[in-house]
N, C-alpha and C. Protein backbone atom coordinates (compact mmCIF):
# COMPACT_ATOMS: atom_id res chain seq x y z
N UNK A 1 -40.55 63.20 29.10
CA UNK A 1 -39.74 63.40 30.31
C UNK A 1 -40.44 62.74 31.50
N UNK A 2 -39.67 62.03 32.31
CA UNK A 2 -40.23 61.36 33.47
C UNK A 2 -40.68 62.38 34.51
N UNK A 3 -41.75 62.06 35.22
CA UNK A 3 -42.24 62.94 36.27
C UNK A 3 -41.96 62.33 37.63
N UNK A 4 -41.81 63.18 38.61
CA UNK A 4 -41.47 62.74 39.96
C UNK A 4 -42.65 62.02 40.61
N UNK A 5 -42.37 60.88 41.21
CA UNK A 5 -43.40 60.11 41.90
C UNK A 5 -43.27 60.26 43.41
N UNK A 6 -42.04 60.16 43.91
CA UNK A 6 -41.78 60.32 45.34
C UNK A 6 -40.58 61.24 45.55
N UNK A 7 -40.66 62.01 46.60
CA UNK A 7 -39.52 62.85 47.00
C UNK A 7 -39.43 62.82 48.52
N UNK A 8 -38.59 61.93 49.03
CA UNK A 8 -38.42 61.79 50.47
C UNK A 8 -37.20 62.59 50.91
N UNK A 9 -37.38 63.41 51.94
CA UNK A 9 -36.30 64.23 52.46
C UNK A 9 -36.18 63.98 53.97
N UNK A 10 -35.06 63.37 54.37
CA UNK A 10 -34.81 63.06 55.79
C UNK A 10 -36.01 62.34 56.43
N UNK A 11 -36.54 61.38 55.69
CA UNK A 11 -37.72 60.63 56.17
C UNK A 11 -37.32 59.75 57.35
N UNK A 12 -38.18 59.74 58.36
CA UNK A 12 -37.94 58.92 59.55
C UNK A 12 -39.21 58.17 59.90
N UNK A 13 -39.07 56.87 60.19
CA UNK A 13 -40.19 56.05 60.63
C UNK A 13 -39.77 55.32 61.89
N UNK A 14 -40.59 55.45 62.93
CA UNK A 14 -40.27 54.79 64.20
C UNK A 14 -41.49 54.06 64.72
N UNK A 15 -41.27 52.92 65.33
CA UNK A 15 -42.31 52.15 66.00
C UNK A 15 -42.01 52.14 67.49
N UNK A 16 -42.81 52.93 68.24
CA UNK A 16 -42.56 53.12 69.67
C UNK A 16 -41.15 53.69 69.84
N UNK A 17 -40.24 52.91 70.42
CA UNK A 17 -38.89 53.43 70.65
C UNK A 17 -37.88 52.97 69.59
N UNK A 18 -38.34 52.13 68.66
CA UNK A 18 -37.43 51.58 67.65
C UNK A 18 -37.51 52.39 66.36
N UNK A 19 -36.37 52.85 65.88
CA UNK A 19 -36.32 53.59 64.62
C UNK A 19 -36.12 52.59 63.48
N UNK A 20 -37.08 52.55 62.54
CA UNK A 20 -37.01 51.61 61.42
C UNK A 20 -36.35 52.25 60.20
N UNK A 21 -36.61 53.53 59.99
CA UNK A 21 -35.98 54.29 58.90
C UNK A 21 -35.49 55.60 59.46
N UNK A 22 -34.30 56.03 59.05
CA UNK A 22 -33.80 57.31 59.53
C UNK A 22 -33.03 58.04 58.44
N UNK A 23 -33.36 59.31 58.30
CA UNK A 23 -32.68 60.20 57.35
C UNK A 23 -32.68 59.62 55.93
N UNK A 24 -33.84 59.14 55.50
CA UNK A 24 -33.98 58.61 54.14
C UNK A 24 -34.30 59.75 53.19
N UNK A 25 -33.41 60.00 52.26
CA UNK A 25 -33.63 61.02 51.23
C UNK A 25 -33.55 60.34 49.87
N UNK A 26 -34.68 60.33 49.16
CA UNK A 26 -34.77 59.63 47.87
C UNK A 26 -35.70 60.39 46.93
N UNK A 27 -35.34 60.39 45.68
CA UNK A 27 -36.26 60.83 44.63
C UNK A 27 -36.51 59.66 43.70
N UNK A 28 -37.77 59.40 43.43
CA UNK A 28 -38.14 58.31 42.53
C UNK A 28 -39.06 58.86 41.46
N UNK A 29 -38.72 58.57 40.21
CA UNK A 29 -39.52 59.07 39.09
C UNK A 29 -40.35 57.95 38.48
N UNK A 30 -41.42 58.35 37.82
CA UNK A 30 -42.25 57.37 37.12
C UNK A 30 -41.42 56.68 36.04
N UNK A 31 -41.66 55.39 35.88
CA UNK A 31 -40.96 54.64 34.86
C UNK A 31 -39.72 53.93 35.37
N UNK A 32 -39.34 54.18 36.62
CA UNK A 32 -38.14 53.53 37.15
C UNK A 32 -38.44 52.09 37.58
N UNK A 33 -37.42 51.26 37.45
CA UNK A 33 -37.47 49.87 37.92
C UNK A 33 -36.39 49.73 38.99
N UNK A 34 -36.83 49.65 40.24
CA UNK A 34 -35.93 49.74 41.38
C UNK A 34 -35.96 48.48 42.23
N UNK A 35 -34.80 48.03 42.64
CA UNK A 35 -34.69 46.91 43.59
C UNK A 35 -34.14 47.44 44.90
N UNK A 36 -34.77 47.01 46.00
CA UNK A 36 -34.27 47.31 47.34
C UNK A 36 -33.56 46.06 47.86
N UNK A 37 -32.34 46.22 48.30
CA UNK A 37 -31.61 45.07 48.84
C UNK A 37 -30.99 45.47 50.18
N UNK A 38 -30.55 44.48 50.93
CA UNK A 38 -29.91 44.74 52.21
C UNK A 38 -30.15 43.61 53.18
N UNK A 39 -29.42 43.60 54.29
CA UNK A 39 -29.59 42.54 55.29
C UNK A 39 -30.99 42.54 55.87
N UNK A 40 -31.36 41.43 56.50
CA UNK A 40 -32.64 41.34 57.18
C UNK A 40 -32.73 42.43 58.24
N UNK A 41 -33.89 43.10 58.29
CA UNK A 41 -34.08 44.16 59.27
C UNK A 41 -33.48 45.49 58.89
N UNK A 42 -33.09 45.64 57.62
CA UNK A 42 -32.43 46.88 57.19
C UNK A 42 -33.42 48.00 56.87
N UNK A 43 -34.72 47.67 56.78
CA UNK A 43 -35.72 48.71 56.52
C UNK A 43 -36.41 48.61 55.17
N UNK A 44 -36.18 47.53 54.44
CA UNK A 44 -36.76 47.39 53.10
C UNK A 44 -38.30 47.37 53.15
N UNK A 45 -38.84 46.52 54.02
CA UNK A 45 -40.29 46.42 54.13
C UNK A 45 -40.89 47.73 54.61
N UNK A 46 -40.26 48.35 55.58
CA UNK A 46 -40.77 49.63 56.10
C UNK A 46 -40.78 50.69 55.02
N UNK A 47 -39.74 50.73 54.20
CA UNK A 47 -39.68 51.72 53.12
C UNK A 47 -40.79 51.47 52.11
N UNK A 48 -41.06 50.21 51.79
CA UNK A 48 -42.15 49.90 50.85
C UNK A 48 -43.49 50.37 51.40
N UNK A 49 -43.75 50.09 52.67
CA UNK A 49 -45.00 50.53 53.29
C UNK A 49 -45.08 52.06 53.32
N UNK A 50 -43.98 52.70 53.59
CA UNK A 50 -43.93 54.16 53.59
C UNK A 50 -44.30 54.73 52.22
N UNK A 51 -43.72 54.16 51.17
CA UNK A 51 -44.02 54.61 49.80
C UNK A 51 -45.48 54.31 49.44
N UNK A 52 -45.97 53.16 49.86
CA UNK A 52 -47.35 52.78 49.58
C UNK A 52 -48.32 53.78 50.22
N UNK A 53 -48.07 54.12 51.47
CA UNK A 53 -48.95 55.07 52.17
C UNK A 53 -48.87 56.46 51.55
N UNK A 54 -47.68 56.88 51.17
CA UNK A 54 -47.53 58.19 50.54
C UNK A 54 -48.25 58.24 49.19
N UNK A 55 -48.16 57.15 48.43
CA UNK A 55 -48.83 57.13 47.13
C UNK A 55 -50.34 57.21 47.30
N UNK A 56 -50.88 56.51 48.30
CA UNK A 56 -52.31 56.54 48.54
C UNK A 56 -52.79 57.92 48.97
N UNK A 57 -51.98 58.62 49.75
CA UNK A 57 -52.39 59.94 50.24
C UNK A 57 -52.13 61.04 49.21
N UNK A 58 -51.03 60.95 48.48
CA UNK A 58 -50.66 62.01 47.55
C UNK A 58 -51.28 61.81 46.17
N UNK A 59 -51.48 60.56 45.78
CA UNK A 59 -52.02 60.25 44.45
C UNK A 59 -53.18 59.28 44.57
N UNK A 60 -54.30 59.71 45.20
CA UNK A 60 -55.41 58.79 45.45
C UNK A 60 -56.02 58.19 44.20
N UNK A 61 -55.87 58.87 43.07
CA UNK A 61 -56.43 58.36 41.82
C UNK A 61 -55.41 57.60 40.98
N UNK A 62 -54.20 57.49 41.51
CA UNK A 62 -53.11 56.80 40.80
C UNK A 62 -53.07 55.35 41.28
N UNK A 63 -53.68 54.46 40.53
CA UNK A 63 -53.84 53.08 40.98
C UNK A 63 -52.50 52.37 41.09
N UNK A 64 -52.40 51.55 42.14
CA UNK A 64 -51.16 50.82 42.38
C UNK A 64 -51.49 49.44 42.92
N UNK A 65 -50.49 48.57 42.93
CA UNK A 65 -50.64 47.21 43.45
C UNK A 65 -49.50 46.92 44.40
N UNK A 66 -49.77 46.07 45.40
CA UNK A 66 -48.77 45.75 46.43
C UNK A 66 -48.79 44.25 46.66
N UNK A 67 -47.61 43.62 46.58
CA UNK A 67 -47.45 42.21 46.96
C UNK A 67 -46.84 42.20 48.36
N UNK A 68 -47.62 41.72 49.33
CA UNK A 68 -47.17 41.70 50.71
C UNK A 68 -46.31 40.46 50.98
N UNK A 69 -45.37 40.60 51.90
CA UNK A 69 -44.49 39.49 52.22
C UNK A 69 -45.26 38.33 52.84
N UNK A 70 -46.33 38.63 53.58
CA UNK A 70 -47.12 37.56 54.20
C UNK A 70 -48.31 37.14 53.32
N UNK A 71 -48.33 37.62 52.08
CA UNK A 71 -49.30 37.28 51.04
C UNK A 71 -50.67 37.92 51.26
N UNK A 72 -51.18 38.00 52.51
CA UNK A 72 -52.48 38.60 52.80
C UNK A 72 -53.61 37.97 51.99
N UNK A 73 -53.61 36.64 51.93
CA UNK A 73 -54.65 35.89 51.22
C UNK A 73 -55.74 35.44 52.18
N UNK A 74 -56.87 35.04 51.62
CA UNK A 74 -57.96 34.47 52.43
C UNK A 74 -57.95 32.96 52.19
N UNK A 75 -57.44 32.17 53.14
CA UNK A 75 -57.22 30.74 52.90
C UNK A 75 -58.49 29.94 52.61
N UNK A 76 -59.64 30.41 53.09
CA UNK A 76 -60.88 29.66 52.88
C UNK A 76 -61.45 29.86 51.47
N UNK A 77 -60.97 30.87 50.76
CA UNK A 77 -61.48 31.17 49.44
C UNK A 77 -60.59 30.56 48.35
N UNK A 78 -61.16 30.44 47.16
CA UNK A 78 -60.43 29.85 46.04
C UNK A 78 -59.39 30.81 45.49
N UNK A 79 -58.54 30.28 44.63
CA UNK A 79 -57.56 31.12 43.94
C UNK A 79 -58.28 32.20 43.14
N UNK A 80 -59.35 31.82 42.43
CA UNK A 80 -60.11 32.80 41.65
C UNK A 80 -60.57 33.96 42.52
N UNK A 81 -61.21 33.64 43.66
CA UNK A 81 -61.75 34.68 44.52
C UNK A 81 -60.65 35.57 45.09
N UNK A 82 -59.52 34.97 45.47
CA UNK A 82 -58.43 35.77 46.01
C UNK A 82 -57.86 36.72 44.97
N UNK A 83 -57.77 36.27 43.74
CA UNK A 83 -57.26 37.15 42.68
C UNK A 83 -58.28 38.24 42.38
N UNK A 84 -59.54 37.89 42.33
CA UNK A 84 -60.59 38.89 42.03
C UNK A 84 -60.61 40.00 43.08
N UNK A 85 -60.28 39.66 44.33
CA UNK A 85 -60.26 40.65 45.40
C UNK A 85 -59.35 41.83 45.06
N UNK A 86 -58.38 41.60 44.18
CA UNK A 86 -57.49 42.68 43.77
C UNK A 86 -58.19 43.88 43.19
N UNK A 87 -59.36 43.69 42.59
CA UNK A 87 -60.10 44.80 42.00
C UNK A 87 -61.41 45.07 42.74
N UNK A 88 -61.56 44.54 43.92
CA UNK A 88 -62.82 44.64 44.65
C UNK A 88 -63.25 46.09 44.87
N UNK A 89 -62.28 46.96 45.14
CA UNK A 89 -62.61 48.36 45.44
C UNK A 89 -62.91 49.17 44.19
N UNK A 90 -62.77 48.59 43.02
CA UNK A 90 -62.98 49.34 41.78
C UNK A 90 -64.36 49.09 41.16
N UNK A 91 -65.11 48.18 41.75
CA UNK A 91 -66.41 47.82 41.18
C UNK A 91 -67.53 48.10 42.16
N UNK A 92 -68.76 48.31 41.65
CA UNK A 92 -69.92 48.44 42.53
C UNK A 92 -70.16 47.15 43.31
N UNK A 93 -70.80 47.27 44.45
CA UNK A 93 -71.06 46.11 45.31
C UNK A 93 -71.82 45.02 44.56
N UNK A 94 -72.82 45.41 43.79
CA UNK A 94 -73.62 44.43 43.05
C UNK A 94 -72.80 43.64 42.06
N UNK A 95 -71.90 44.34 41.36
CA UNK A 95 -71.02 43.67 40.39
C UNK A 95 -70.12 42.68 41.09
N UNK A 96 -69.57 43.08 42.23
CA UNK A 96 -68.70 42.18 42.98
C UNK A 96 -69.44 40.93 43.45
N UNK A 97 -70.63 41.09 43.95
CA UNK A 97 -71.41 39.95 44.43
C UNK A 97 -71.69 38.97 43.30
N UNK A 98 -72.06 39.50 42.14
CA UNK A 98 -72.34 38.62 40.99
C UNK A 98 -71.09 37.86 40.56
N UNK A 99 -69.96 38.57 40.51
CA UNK A 99 -68.73 37.91 40.05
C UNK A 99 -68.17 36.93 41.07
N UNK A 100 -68.42 37.17 42.33
CA UNK A 100 -67.95 36.24 43.35
C UNK A 100 -68.80 34.97 43.38
N UNK A 101 -70.08 35.08 43.00
CA UNK A 101 -70.97 33.93 43.01
C UNK A 101 -70.97 33.23 41.65
N UNK A 102 -71.16 34.01 40.59
CA UNK A 102 -71.18 33.47 39.23
C UNK A 102 -70.44 34.45 38.32
N UNK A 103 -69.14 34.25 38.17
CA UNK A 103 -68.31 35.23 37.44
C UNK A 103 -68.74 35.40 35.99
N UNK A 104 -68.65 36.64 35.52
CA UNK A 104 -68.85 36.90 34.11
C UNK A 104 -67.73 36.23 33.32
N UNK A 105 -68.03 35.77 32.13
CA UNK A 105 -67.04 35.05 31.33
C UNK A 105 -65.81 35.91 31.06
N UNK A 106 -66.01 37.22 30.86
CA UNK A 106 -64.89 38.12 30.59
C UNK A 106 -63.96 38.20 31.81
N UNK A 107 -64.56 38.30 33.00
CA UNK A 107 -63.77 38.40 34.22
C UNK A 107 -62.98 37.11 34.45
N UNK A 108 -63.64 35.98 34.27
CA UNK A 108 -62.96 34.70 34.47
C UNK A 108 -61.82 34.53 33.46
N UNK A 109 -62.05 34.95 32.23
CA UNK A 109 -61.02 34.83 31.20
C UNK A 109 -59.80 35.69 31.54
N UNK A 110 -60.04 36.91 32.07
CA UNK A 110 -58.94 37.80 32.44
C UNK A 110 -58.09 37.17 33.56
N UNK A 111 -58.77 36.60 34.54
CA UNK A 111 -58.05 35.99 35.66
C UNK A 111 -57.33 34.72 35.21
N UNK A 112 -57.97 33.93 34.35
CA UNK A 112 -57.31 32.73 33.83
C UNK A 112 -56.04 33.09 33.07
N UNK A 113 -56.07 34.21 32.34
CA UNK A 113 -54.90 34.64 31.57
C UNK A 113 -53.73 34.94 32.50
N UNK A 114 -53.99 35.63 33.61
CA UNK A 114 -52.94 35.94 34.58
C UNK A 114 -52.43 34.66 35.23
N UNK A 115 -53.36 33.78 35.60
CA UNK A 115 -52.96 32.53 36.26
C UNK A 115 -52.16 31.63 35.32
N UNK A 116 -52.48 31.67 34.04
CA UNK A 116 -51.73 30.88 33.07
C UNK A 116 -50.28 31.33 33.03
N UNK A 117 -50.05 32.64 33.08
CA UNK A 117 -48.69 33.16 33.08
C UNK A 117 -47.90 32.69 34.29
N UNK A 118 -48.63 32.40 35.39
CA UNK A 118 -47.98 32.01 36.65
C UNK A 118 -48.14 30.52 36.94
N UNK A 119 -48.56 29.75 35.93
CA UNK A 119 -48.70 28.30 36.05
C UNK A 119 -49.63 27.92 37.22
N UNK A 120 -50.78 28.61 37.28
CA UNK A 120 -51.74 28.36 38.35
C UNK A 120 -53.16 28.12 37.85
N UNK A 121 -53.33 28.07 36.55
CA UNK A 121 -54.69 28.00 36.02
C UNK A 121 -55.41 26.73 36.46
N UNK A 122 -54.67 25.64 36.66
CA UNK A 122 -55.31 24.40 37.10
C UNK A 122 -55.80 24.48 38.54
N UNK A 123 -55.29 25.43 39.30
CA UNK A 123 -55.68 25.59 40.70
C UNK A 123 -56.74 26.67 40.89
N UNK A 124 -57.33 27.16 39.82
CA UNK A 124 -58.22 28.32 39.89
C UNK A 124 -59.37 28.14 40.87
N UNK A 125 -59.89 26.93 41.00
CA UNK A 125 -61.02 26.68 41.90
C UNK A 125 -60.60 26.07 43.24
N UNK A 126 -59.31 25.93 43.44
CA UNK A 126 -58.80 25.30 44.66
C UNK A 126 -58.70 26.32 45.79
N UNK A 127 -59.03 25.89 47.00
CA UNK A 127 -58.90 26.77 48.16
C UNK A 127 -57.43 27.11 48.40
N UNK A 128 -57.17 28.37 48.63
CA UNK A 128 -55.79 28.82 48.81
C UNK A 128 -55.11 28.14 49.99
N UNK A 129 -55.88 27.83 51.02
CA UNK A 129 -55.31 27.19 52.19
C UNK A 129 -54.73 25.82 51.94
N UNK A 130 -55.08 25.20 50.82
CA UNK A 130 -54.57 23.87 50.48
C UNK A 130 -53.35 23.93 49.56
N UNK A 131 -52.94 25.12 49.15
CA UNK A 131 -51.83 25.28 48.22
C UNK A 131 -50.49 25.24 48.95
N UNK A 132 -49.44 24.97 48.20
CA UNK A 132 -48.08 25.05 48.74
C UNK A 132 -47.71 26.52 48.96
N UNK A 133 -46.61 26.73 49.70
CA UNK A 133 -46.17 28.10 49.94
C UNK A 133 -45.86 28.85 48.66
N UNK A 134 -45.20 28.17 47.72
CA UNK A 134 -44.88 28.80 46.45
C UNK A 134 -46.11 29.16 45.64
N UNK A 135 -47.11 28.27 45.66
CA UNK A 135 -48.36 28.55 44.95
C UNK A 135 -49.11 29.71 45.59
N UNK A 136 -49.07 29.79 46.91
CA UNK A 136 -49.71 30.91 47.59
C UNK A 136 -49.03 32.22 47.22
N UNK A 137 -47.72 32.20 47.17
CA UNK A 137 -47.00 33.41 46.80
C UNK A 137 -47.36 33.84 45.37
N UNK A 138 -47.45 32.88 44.47
CA UNK A 138 -47.82 33.22 43.09
C UNK A 138 -49.27 33.70 43.00
N UNK A 139 -50.13 33.20 43.89
CA UNK A 139 -51.51 33.70 43.93
C UNK A 139 -51.53 35.17 44.35
N UNK A 140 -50.72 35.51 45.34
CA UNK A 140 -50.63 36.90 45.78
C UNK A 140 -50.12 37.79 44.66
N UNK A 141 -49.16 37.29 43.90
CA UNK A 141 -48.63 38.05 42.76
C UNK A 141 -49.70 38.19 41.68
N UNK A 142 -50.45 37.10 41.43
CA UNK A 142 -51.52 37.15 40.43
C UNK A 142 -52.56 38.20 40.81
N UNK A 143 -52.90 38.28 42.10
CA UNK A 143 -53.86 39.28 42.55
C UNK A 143 -53.36 40.70 42.25
N UNK A 144 -52.08 40.95 42.52
CA UNK A 144 -51.52 42.27 42.28
C UNK A 144 -51.44 42.58 40.78
N UNK A 145 -51.05 41.58 39.98
CA UNK A 145 -50.98 41.78 38.53
C UNK A 145 -52.38 42.04 37.97
N UNK A 146 -53.36 41.29 38.45
CA UNK A 146 -54.75 41.48 37.99
C UNK A 146 -55.24 42.87 38.38
N UNK A 147 -54.87 43.32 39.57
CA UNK A 147 -55.27 44.67 40.01
C UNK A 147 -54.71 45.72 39.06
N UNK A 148 -53.44 45.56 38.70
CA UNK A 148 -52.83 46.49 37.76
C UNK A 148 -52.56 47.85 38.37
N UNK A 149 -52.29 48.82 37.52
CA UNK A 149 -51.95 50.17 37.97
C UNK A 149 -50.60 50.59 37.44
N UNK A 150 -50.25 51.83 37.71
CA UNK A 150 -49.00 52.38 37.19
C UNK A 150 -47.81 52.13 38.11
N UNK A 151 -48.10 51.73 39.36
CA UNK A 151 -47.05 51.49 40.34
C UNK A 151 -47.21 50.10 40.93
N UNK A 152 -46.13 49.33 40.93
CA UNK A 152 -46.15 47.97 41.48
C UNK A 152 -45.10 47.91 42.59
N UNK A 153 -45.57 47.67 43.82
CA UNK A 153 -44.69 47.51 44.97
C UNK A 153 -44.70 46.05 45.38
N UNK A 154 -43.54 45.49 45.65
CA UNK A 154 -43.48 44.07 46.00
C UNK A 154 -42.44 43.82 47.07
N UNK A 155 -42.85 43.10 48.12
CA UNK A 155 -41.97 42.79 49.23
C UNK A 155 -41.55 41.32 49.15
N UNK A 156 -40.33 41.08 48.69
CA UNK A 156 -39.78 39.73 48.51
C UNK A 156 -40.74 38.85 47.69
N UNK A 157 -41.06 39.23 46.46
CA UNK A 157 -42.08 38.51 45.69
C UNK A 157 -41.68 37.12 45.21
N UNK A 158 -40.40 36.77 45.28
CA UNK A 158 -39.99 35.45 44.79
C UNK A 158 -39.24 34.65 45.86
N UNK A 159 -39.49 34.96 47.12
CA UNK A 159 -38.74 34.32 48.20
C UNK A 159 -39.05 32.84 48.36
N UNK A 160 -40.25 32.40 47.97
CA UNK A 160 -40.66 31.02 48.23
C UNK A 160 -40.78 30.16 46.98
N UNK A 161 -40.22 30.62 45.87
CA UNK A 161 -40.35 29.85 44.63
C UNK A 161 -38.99 29.59 44.01
N UNK A 162 -38.94 28.57 43.15
CA UNK A 162 -37.65 28.18 42.57
C UNK A 162 -37.19 29.19 41.53
N UNK A 163 -35.95 29.00 41.08
CA UNK A 163 -35.32 29.99 40.21
C UNK A 163 -36.08 30.18 38.90
N UNK A 164 -36.50 29.08 38.27
CA UNK A 164 -37.20 29.19 36.99
C UNK A 164 -38.51 29.94 37.15
N UNK A 165 -39.28 29.60 38.19
CA UNK A 165 -40.53 30.30 38.44
C UNK A 165 -40.28 31.75 38.82
N UNK A 166 -39.19 31.98 39.56
CA UNK A 166 -38.85 33.34 39.97
C UNK A 166 -38.60 34.22 38.74
N UNK A 167 -37.90 33.69 37.76
CA UNK A 167 -37.64 34.47 36.55
C UNK A 167 -38.94 34.77 35.80
N UNK A 168 -39.85 33.80 35.77
CA UNK A 168 -41.15 34.02 35.13
C UNK A 168 -41.91 35.13 35.83
N UNK A 169 -41.91 35.09 37.17
CA UNK A 169 -42.62 36.09 37.97
C UNK A 169 -42.01 37.47 37.77
N UNK A 170 -40.69 37.56 37.82
CA UNK A 170 -40.04 38.86 37.68
C UNK A 170 -40.17 39.41 36.26
N UNK A 171 -40.15 38.53 35.26
CA UNK A 171 -40.44 38.97 33.88
C UNK A 171 -41.81 39.64 33.82
N UNK A 172 -42.78 39.02 34.51
CA UNK A 172 -44.15 39.52 34.51
C UNK A 172 -44.24 40.86 35.23
N UNK A 173 -43.65 40.92 36.43
CA UNK A 173 -43.73 42.13 37.25
C UNK A 173 -43.02 43.31 36.58
N UNK A 174 -41.76 43.09 36.20
CA UNK A 174 -40.97 44.20 35.66
C UNK A 174 -41.35 44.53 34.22
N UNK A 175 -41.99 43.59 33.53
CA UNK A 175 -42.35 43.84 32.14
C UNK A 175 -43.69 44.50 31.93
N UNK A 176 -44.59 44.36 32.90
CA UNK A 176 -45.97 44.83 32.68
C UNK A 176 -46.26 46.21 33.25
N UNK A 177 -45.52 46.63 34.26
CA UNK A 177 -45.89 47.83 35.00
C UNK A 177 -44.92 48.97 34.73
N UNK A 178 -45.46 50.18 34.69
CA UNK A 178 -44.65 51.36 34.38
C UNK A 178 -43.54 51.58 35.41
N UNK A 179 -43.90 51.52 36.68
CA UNK A 179 -42.94 51.76 37.76
C UNK A 179 -42.96 50.59 38.72
N UNK A 180 -41.79 50.03 39.00
CA UNK A 180 -41.68 48.88 39.92
C UNK A 180 -40.66 49.19 41.00
N UNK A 181 -41.06 48.93 42.25
CA UNK A 181 -40.14 49.01 43.38
C UNK A 181 -40.30 47.72 44.17
N UNK A 182 -39.25 46.90 44.19
CA UNK A 182 -39.36 45.57 44.80
C UNK A 182 -38.16 45.29 45.68
N UNK A 183 -38.42 44.73 46.85
CA UNK A 183 -37.31 44.24 47.68
C UNK A 183 -36.99 42.83 47.21
N UNK A 184 -35.71 42.56 47.03
CA UNK A 184 -35.28 41.27 46.51
C UNK A 184 -34.15 40.72 47.36
N UNK A 185 -34.27 39.46 47.73
CA UNK A 185 -33.23 38.81 48.53
C UNK A 185 -32.03 38.44 47.66
N UNK A 186 -32.31 38.02 46.43
CA UNK A 186 -31.24 37.58 45.53
C UNK A 186 -30.66 38.77 44.77
N UNK A 187 -29.42 39.07 45.02
CA UNK A 187 -28.78 40.22 44.38
C UNK A 187 -28.69 40.04 42.87
N UNK A 188 -28.51 38.80 42.42
CA UNK A 188 -28.41 38.58 40.98
C UNK A 188 -29.69 38.98 40.26
N UNK A 189 -30.84 38.75 40.90
CA UNK A 189 -32.10 39.18 40.31
C UNK A 189 -32.21 40.71 40.30
N UNK A 190 -31.73 41.34 41.36
CA UNK A 190 -31.74 42.80 41.41
C UNK A 190 -30.93 43.38 40.25
N UNK A 191 -29.77 42.80 40.01
CA UNK A 191 -28.93 43.27 38.92
C UNK A 191 -29.55 42.99 37.56
N UNK A 192 -30.25 41.87 37.45
CA UNK A 192 -30.81 41.45 36.17
C UNK A 192 -32.04 42.25 35.77
N UNK A 193 -32.88 42.58 36.74
CA UNK A 193 -34.18 43.17 36.40
C UNK A 193 -34.31 44.66 36.69
N UNK A 194 -33.58 45.16 37.68
CA UNK A 194 -33.74 46.56 38.06
C UNK A 194 -32.74 47.45 37.32
N UNK A 195 -33.16 48.68 37.04
CA UNK A 195 -32.26 49.67 36.46
C UNK A 195 -31.50 50.42 37.55
N UNK A 196 -32.08 50.40 38.75
CA UNK A 196 -31.50 51.13 39.88
C UNK A 196 -31.59 50.25 41.13
N UNK A 197 -30.52 50.22 41.91
CA UNK A 197 -30.50 49.40 43.12
C UNK A 197 -30.23 50.30 44.33
N UNK A 198 -31.09 50.18 45.32
CA UNK A 198 -30.92 50.93 46.56
C UNK A 198 -30.56 49.94 47.66
N UNK A 199 -29.38 50.10 48.24
CA UNK A 199 -28.95 49.24 49.33
C UNK A 199 -29.27 49.89 50.67
N UNK A 200 -29.97 49.16 51.52
CA UNK A 200 -30.34 49.67 52.84
C UNK A 200 -29.60 48.91 53.93
N UNK A 201 -29.21 49.65 54.96
CA UNK A 201 -28.55 49.03 56.11
C UNK A 201 -28.89 49.84 57.35
N UNK A 202 -29.43 49.15 58.36
CA UNK A 202 -29.78 49.77 59.63
C UNK A 202 -30.66 51.01 59.45
N UNK A 203 -31.63 50.87 58.55
CA UNK A 203 -32.60 51.94 58.35
C UNK A 203 -32.12 53.14 57.56
N UNK A 204 -30.96 53.04 56.95
CA UNK A 204 -30.40 54.14 56.17
C UNK A 204 -30.08 53.69 54.75
N UNK A 205 -30.01 54.64 53.83
CA UNK A 205 -29.57 54.33 52.47
C UNK A 205 -28.06 54.20 52.50
N UNK A 206 -27.58 52.99 52.21
CA UNK A 206 -26.14 52.71 52.21
C UNK A 206 -25.54 53.07 50.86
N UNK A 207 -26.26 52.75 49.78
CA UNK A 207 -25.90 53.23 48.45
C UNK A 207 -27.15 53.28 47.58
N UNK A 208 -27.08 54.08 46.54
CA UNK A 208 -28.18 54.26 45.59
C UNK A 208 -27.53 54.46 44.23
N UNK A 209 -27.53 53.39 43.41
CA UNK A 209 -26.74 53.42 42.17
C UNK A 209 -27.45 52.73 41.02
N UNK A 210 -27.12 53.11 39.78
CA UNK A 210 -27.58 52.31 38.63
C UNK A 210 -27.08 50.88 38.81
N UNK A 211 -27.86 49.91 38.40
CA UNK A 211 -27.52 48.51 38.67
C UNK A 211 -26.17 48.11 38.09
N UNK A 212 -25.82 48.67 36.94
CA UNK A 212 -24.55 48.27 36.31
C UNK A 212 -23.35 48.84 37.05
N UNK A 213 -23.58 49.79 37.97
CA UNK A 213 -22.48 50.38 38.72
C UNK A 213 -22.31 49.79 40.11
N UNK A 214 -23.17 48.84 40.47
CA UNK A 214 -23.07 48.21 41.79
C UNK A 214 -21.99 47.13 41.72
N UNK A 215 -20.96 47.31 42.51
CA UNK A 215 -19.81 46.40 42.48
C UNK A 215 -19.91 45.36 43.59
N UNK A 216 -19.11 44.31 43.44
CA UNK A 216 -19.05 43.28 44.49
C UNK A 216 -18.55 43.86 45.81
N UNK A 217 -17.66 44.83 45.72
CA UNK A 217 -17.13 45.46 46.93
C UNK A 217 -18.24 46.21 47.67
N UNK A 218 -19.10 46.91 46.94
CA UNK A 218 -20.23 47.61 47.54
C UNK A 218 -21.16 46.62 48.23
N UNK A 219 -21.39 45.49 47.60
CA UNK A 219 -22.28 44.48 48.17
C UNK A 219 -21.67 43.85 49.42
N UNK A 220 -20.38 43.57 49.38
CA UNK A 220 -19.70 42.99 50.55
C UNK A 220 -19.78 43.94 51.74
N UNK A 221 -19.61 45.22 51.49
CA UNK A 221 -19.69 46.19 52.58
C UNK A 221 -21.13 46.32 53.09
N UNK A 222 -22.09 46.20 52.19
CA UNK A 222 -23.50 46.30 52.59
C UNK A 222 -23.89 45.15 53.52
N UNK A 223 -23.47 43.95 53.18
CA UNK A 223 -23.92 42.76 53.92
C UNK A 223 -22.97 42.33 55.04
N UNK A 224 -21.70 42.71 54.95
CA UNK A 224 -20.73 42.14 55.90
C UNK A 224 -19.95 43.17 56.70
N UNK A 225 -20.29 44.42 56.55
CA UNK A 225 -19.53 45.47 57.25
C UNK A 225 -19.67 45.31 58.76
């Protein structure tokens, strides 16, 4: 039986005088694959950050990964180092220093395996600042996949990559992790990969339905009302 991961009741998030989320009531169970969709500024990113913070405070030992919309990479460091940073907080300082200077063969092999899945293994020693936008986005995804955990949160993880690469990335994200909550710009991907779709509009839940029950009429009202 699935266990409850989040239970939001009339959740509200405001920045100074601007309300980003209002009256959000959601229950999310472990094992769910959820897509967040909606117009720009509807509250998708804020909801992801809200869930991330709640998971850290309520389940400090429940490891999770987050793909940020702005990637949060260190441009002066290599792809290898940026991916390794994903597990930096899980190792002793001495271990981290050794792996950042002269990586253990096991560590390098693990990172190469993730990069191979994302077609980045040839860039492993390249500085992230020299990569294309799509390569940087895949590096951020590789870092989160390498970090691992039972919960994977992703904010527009395929916004800067082509359709074929996007499918590879989403196969990886939705296939490897127990629970996935991702904001997606492309509705077709939300329908293809998520079991549940939450539509947000103006900081509120506009609909919350199994993906197979989301109709074109619901989508038209979400985006064009």
